[in-house]
Amino acid sequence: YAARRPSNSAYRCCGSFVGAGLVAEGRLWQGPTGNSASLGSMLVTDEHGQNQFVHLIAALYALEN
């Protein structure tokens, strides 16, 4: 028999940018703008107290430097 697919799940990706995908009740959740899981463009406070975009801190090229 085939395994059941989960009806809710989240996927995170860290590469050139930081992103994610959300599935809710078996459907891809896109949100009102179509970018529901666009994590890289979120502002966070870095270790110096400055606001930075997530992809400037956590993308692979940022982690390598």
N, C-alpha and C. Protein backbone atom coordinates (compact mmCIF):
# COMPACT_ATOMS: atom_id res chain seq x y z
N TYR A 1 0.83 -1.19 0.00
CA TYR A 1 0.00 0.00 0.00
C TYR A 1 0.87 1.24 0.00
N ALA A 2 0.33 2.32 -0.50
CA ALA A 2 1.07 3.58 -0.58
C ALA A 2 1.02 4.31 0.76
N ALA A 3 2.11 4.95 1.09
CA ALA A 3 2.15 5.74 2.32
C ALA A 3 1.29 6.98 2.16
N ARG A 4 0.64 7.35 3.25
CA ARG A 4 -0.17 8.57 3.22
C ARG A 4 0.73 9.80 3.23
N ARG A 5 0.35 10.78 2.46
CA ARG A 5 1.08 12.05 2.46
C ARG A 5 0.57 12.89 3.62
N PRO A 6 1.46 13.62 4.28
CA PRO A 6 0.99 14.48 5.37
C PRO A 6 0.14 15.62 4.83
N SER A 7 -0.87 16.00 5.58
CA SER A 7 -1.73 17.09 5.12
C SER A 7 -1.14 18.46 5.46
N ASN A 8 -0.21 18.50 6.40
CA ASN A 8 0.45 19.75 6.78
C ASN A 8 1.96 19.50 6.85
N SER A 9 2.71 20.38 6.24
CA SER A 9 4.17 20.24 6.30
C SER A 9 4.84 21.57 5.98
N ALA A 10 6.11 21.65 6.33
CA ALA A 10 6.91 22.84 6.04
C ALA A 10 8.25 22.38 5.49
N TYR A 11 8.80 23.15 4.57
CA TYR A 11 10.09 22.86 3.96
C TYR A 11 10.94 24.12 4.01
N ARG A 12 12.18 23.98 4.44
CA ARG A 12 13.09 25.12 4.47
C ARG A 12 14.27 24.85 3.55
N CYS A 13 14.75 25.89 2.91
CA CYS A 13 15.86 25.77 1.98
C CYS A 13 16.87 26.88 2.26
N CYS A 14 18.13 26.50 2.33
CA CYS A 14 19.20 27.48 2.50
C CYS A 14 20.19 27.26 1.38
N GLY A 15 20.29 28.21 0.48
CA GLY A 15 21.19 28.14 -0.66
C GLY A 15 21.65 29.54 -0.97
N SER A 16 21.48 29.97 -2.22
CA SER A 16 21.79 31.35 -2.58
C SER A 16 20.90 32.32 -1.81
N PHE A 17 19.69 31.88 -1.51
CA PHE A 17 18.75 32.63 -0.70
C PHE A 17 18.17 31.70 0.35
N VAL A 18 17.37 32.24 1.23
CA VAL A 18 16.70 31.43 2.25
C VAL A 18 15.22 31.45 1.93
N GLY A 19 14.61 30.29 1.85
CA GLY A 19 13.19 30.21 1.52
C GLY A 19 12.53 29.05 2.22
N ALA A 20 11.26 28.89 1.95
CA ALA A 20 10.50 27.81 2.56
C ALA A 20 9.23 27.58 1.76
N GLY A 21 8.57 26.50 2.06
CA GLY A 21 7.28 26.19 1.47
C GLY A 21 6.36 25.66 2.56
N LEU A 22 5.11 25.99 2.49
CA LEU A 22 4.14 25.55 3.48
C LEU A 22 2.99 24.83 2.80
N VAL A 23 2.63 23.66 3.33
CA VAL A 23 1.45 22.93 2.87
C VAL A 23 0.49 22.86 4.04
N ALA A 24 -0.72 23.33 3.85
CA ALA A 24 -1.75 23.32 4.88
C ALA A 24 -2.98 22.64 4.33
N GLU A 25 -3.45 21.63 5.05
CA GLU A 25 -4.62 20.85 4.64
C GLU A 25 -4.46 20.31 3.23
N GLY A 26 -3.23 19.87 2.90
CA GLY A 26 -2.97 19.24 1.62
C GLY A 26 -2.79 20.19 0.45
N ARG A 27 -2.79 21.49 0.70
CA ARG A 27 -2.65 22.46 -0.39
C ARG A 27 -1.49 23.40 -0.10
N LEU A 28 -0.76 23.76 -1.16
CA LEU A 28 0.32 24.73 -1.02
C LEU A 28 -0.27 26.06 -0.58
N TRP A 29 0.25 26.59 0.52
CA TRP A 29 -0.25 27.87 1.02
C TRP A 29 0.61 28.98 0.45
N GLN A 30 -0.01 29.88 -0.32
CA GLN A 30 0.72 30.96 -0.97
C GLN A 30 0.54 32.30 -0.27
N GLY A 31 -0.46 32.43 0.56
CA GLY A 31 -0.70 33.69 1.24
C GLY A 31 -1.27 34.74 0.31
N PRO A 32 -1.59 35.91 0.83
CA PRO A 32 -2.24 36.95 0.03
C PRO A 32 -1.36 37.53 -1.07
N THR A 33 -0.04 37.45 -0.93
CA THR A 33 0.85 38.02 -1.93
C THR A 33 1.53 36.97 -2.80
N GLY A 34 1.31 35.70 -2.50
CA GLY A 34 1.96 34.63 -3.25
C GLY A 34 3.36 34.31 -2.75
N ASN A 35 3.78 34.98 -1.70
CA ASN A 35 5.12 34.78 -1.13
C ASN A 35 5.04 34.40 0.35
N SER A 36 4.18 33.48 0.68
CA SER A 36 3.91 33.18 2.08
C SER A 36 5.13 32.74 2.86
N ALA A 37 6.06 32.07 2.22
CA ALA A 37 7.23 31.55 2.95
C ALA A 37 8.53 32.17 2.45
N SER A 38 8.46 33.40 2.04
CA SER A 38 9.66 34.10 1.57
C SER A 38 10.44 34.59 2.78
N LEU A 39 11.20 33.69 3.37
CA LEU A 39 11.90 34.01 4.62
C LEU A 39 13.08 34.96 4.42
N GLY A 40 13.73 34.89 3.28
CA GLY A 40 14.94 35.69 3.05
C GLY A 40 14.72 37.18 3.11
N SER A 41 13.52 37.64 2.82
CA SER A 41 13.26 39.08 2.82
C SER A 41 12.75 39.58 4.17
N MET A 42 12.71 38.71 5.18
CA MET A 42 12.31 39.15 6.52
C MET A 42 13.46 39.90 7.17
N LEU A 43 13.14 40.95 7.90
CA LEU A 43 14.15 41.68 8.65
C LEU A 43 14.33 41.06 10.02
N VAL A 44 15.59 40.87 10.41
CA VAL A 44 15.93 40.39 11.75
C VAL A 44 17.07 41.27 12.27
N THR A 45 17.27 41.23 13.57
CA THR A 45 18.35 42.00 14.18
C THR A 45 19.60 41.13 14.24
N ASP A 46 20.71 41.64 13.73
CA ASP A 46 21.96 40.86 13.75
C ASP A 46 22.67 41.02 15.09
N GLU A 47 23.86 40.43 15.20
CA GLU A 47 24.59 40.44 16.48
C GLU A 47 25.08 41.84 16.87
N HIS A 48 25.04 42.80 15.95
CA HIS A 48 25.45 44.17 16.23
C HIS A 48 24.26 45.09 16.49
N GLY A 49 23.05 44.52 16.53
CA GLY A 49 21.85 45.31 16.77
C GLY A 49 21.30 46.00 15.54
N GLN A 50 21.83 45.66 14.36
CA GLN A 50 21.38 46.26 13.11
C GLN A 50 20.33 45.36 12.44
N ASN A 51 19.37 45.98 11.77
CA ASN A 51 18.38 45.21 11.02
C ASN A 51 18.99 44.74 9.70
N GLN A 52 18.85 43.46 9.41
CA GLN A 52 19.39 42.85 8.19
C GLN A 52 18.34 41.90 7.62
N PHE A 53 18.39 41.68 6.31
CA PHE A 53 17.55 40.66 5.71
C PHE A 53 18.12 39.29 6.05
N VAL A 54 17.24 38.32 6.26
CA VAL A 54 17.67 36.97 6.62
C VAL A 54 18.67 36.43 5.61
N HIS A 55 18.44 36.63 4.30
CA HIS A 55 19.35 36.05 3.32
C HIS A 55 20.75 36.67 3.37
N LEU A 56 20.89 37.86 3.93
CA LEU A 56 22.22 38.46 4.08
C LEU A 56 22.99 37.86 5.25
N ILE A 57 22.28 37.18 6.16
CA ILE A 57 22.90 36.57 7.33
C ILE A 57 23.01 35.06 7.19
N ALA A 58 21.98 34.42 6.62
CA ALA A 58 21.89 32.96 6.68
C ALA A 58 22.03 32.23 5.35
N ALA A 59 22.13 32.93 4.23
CA ALA A 59 22.34 32.24 2.95
C ALA A 59 23.76 31.67 2.93
N LEU A 60 23.99 30.67 2.10
CA LEU A 60 25.28 29.99 2.09
C LEU A 60 26.46 30.93 1.87
N TYR A 61 26.32 31.90 0.96
CA TYR A 61 27.44 32.82 0.72
C TYR A 61 27.74 33.65 1.95
N ALA A 62 26.73 34.00 2.75
CA ALA A 62 26.95 34.77 3.98
C ALA A 62 27.60 33.89 5.04
N LEU A 63 27.22 32.63 5.12
CA LEU A 63 27.79 31.73 6.11
C LEU A 63 29.25 31.40 5.80
N GLU A 64 29.62 31.45 4.52
CA GLU A 64 31.00 31.15 4.14
C GLU A 64 31.96 32.28 4.47
N ASN A 65 31.43 33.49 4.65
CA ASN A 65 32.30 34.66 4.90
C ASN A 65 32.40 34.99 6.37
